[in-house]
Amino acid sequence: MPSVNDLSYTAVYEEVDDGWTQGRIVEIPGVITAAASRDEARDLLRDALREYLASFMENDPALAGSGDREQLRVKLVARGEH
């Protein structure tokens, strides 16, 4: 059975117009959201990250039947800060 590893991302929260809170993922600049509170921004940011990552798991019909396929596994190794 494959093992599951937790992945961690860095969330940054900033106050923006009209008291709203913007949340973004540092490691993935395209994952960004805003909400009326920090808690709501955190929830929306988790959803945005989940959807972003899930989009890579969808089957692309343009690739159906093309080439020889296999599953590749990679090991993520944390590096110390510079």
Protein backbone atom coordinates (compact mmCIF):
# COMPACT_ATOMS: atom_id res chain seq x y z
CA MET A 1 0.00 0.00 0.00
CA PRO A 2 1.44 3.41 -0.95
CA SER A 3 2.34 5.74 1.88
CA VAL A 4 0.87 9.22 2.12
CA ASN A 5 3.03 12.15 3.14
CA ASP A 6 1.71 15.47 4.33
CA LEU A 7 2.79 18.41 2.23
CA SER A 8 3.21 21.82 3.78
CA TYR A 9 2.85 25.15 2.04
CA THR A 10 3.43 28.68 3.29
CA ALA A 11 0.29 30.81 3.54
CA VAL A 12 0.63 34.58 3.72
CA TYR A 13 -2.27 36.77 4.84
CA GLU A 14 -2.49 40.49 4.18
CA GLU A 15 -5.19 43.02 4.87
CA VAL A 16 -6.54 44.54 1.66
CA ASP A 17 -9.35 46.95 0.69
CA ASP A 18 -12.30 47.43 3.02
CA GLY A 19 -10.81 45.25 5.78
CA TRP A 20 -10.77 42.07 3.70
CA THR A 21 -7.97 39.54 4.09
CA GLN A 22 -6.05 38.24 1.11
CA GLY A 23 -4.44 34.82 1.39
CA ARG A 24 -1.85 33.36 -0.95
CA ILE A 25 0.46 30.36 -1.15
CA VAL A 26 4.09 31.46 -1.43
CA GLU A 27 5.25 28.33 -3.27
CA ILE A 28 2.43 28.48 -5.85
CA PRO A 29 1.83 32.10 -6.89
CA GLY A 30 -1.39 31.24 -8.76
CA VAL A 31 -3.17 30.15 -5.57
CA ILE A 32 -4.65 33.31 -4.08
CA THR A 33 -7.98 34.31 -2.55
CA ALA A 34 -9.64 36.98 -0.42
CA ALA A 35 -12.40 36.97 2.17
CA ALA A 36 -14.02 39.10 4.84
CA SER A 37 -12.04 37.38 7.65
CA ARG A 38 -8.75 35.56 8.08
CA ASP A 39 -10.51 32.32 9.03
CA GLU A 40 -12.64 32.44 5.89
CA ALA A 41 -9.59 33.34 3.79
CA ARG A 42 -7.78 30.29 5.24
CA ASP A 43 -10.70 28.00 4.36
CA LEU A 44 -10.95 29.42 0.83
CA LEU A 45 -7.17 29.17 0.40
CA ARG A 46 -7.25 25.48 1.34
CA ASP A 47 -10.03 24.92 -1.21
CA ALA A 48 -8.14 26.87 -3.88
CA LEU A 49 -4.97 24.84 -3.25
CA ARG A 50 -6.92 21.57 -3.32
CA GLU A 51 -8.57 22.51 -6.64
CA TYR A 52 -5.27 23.68 -8.12
CA LEU A 53 -3.55 20.38 -7.28
CA ALA A 54 -6.58 18.31 -8.37
CA SER A 55 -6.52 20.00 -11.78
CA PHE A 56 -3.26 18.19 -12.53
CA MET A 57 -4.88 14.83 -11.80
CA GLU A 58 -7.62 15.13 -14.43
CA ASN A 59 -7.23 13.07 -17.58
CA ASP A 60 -6.50 15.15 -20.67
CA PRO A 61 -8.51 13.71 -23.62
CA ALA A 62 -5.85 15.02 -26.00
CA LEU A 63 -3.36 12.59 -24.46
CA ALA A 64 -5.64 9.54 -24.48
CA GLY A 65 -3.96 6.59 -26.17
CA SER A 66 -0.72 8.45 -26.82
CA GLY A 67 2.58 6.90 -25.84
CA ASP A 68 3.67 4.33 -23.29
CA ARG A 69 2.63 5.26 -19.76
CA GLU A 70 3.77 4.41 -16.25
CA GLN A 71 3.30 5.85 -12.78
CA LEU A 72 6.35 7.68 -11.42
CA ARG A 73 6.86 8.06 -7.69
CA VAL A 74 9.05 10.77 -6.25
CA LYS A 75 10.36 11.29 -2.77
CA LEU A 76 10.06 14.80 -1.37
CA VAL A 77 12.99 15.84 0.76
CA ALA A 78 12.90 19.01 2.83
CA ARG A 79 15.93 21.24 2.61
CA GLY A 80 17.12 23.59 5.29
CA GLU A 81 16.62 27.32 4.89
CA HIS A 82 19.49 29.27 3.34
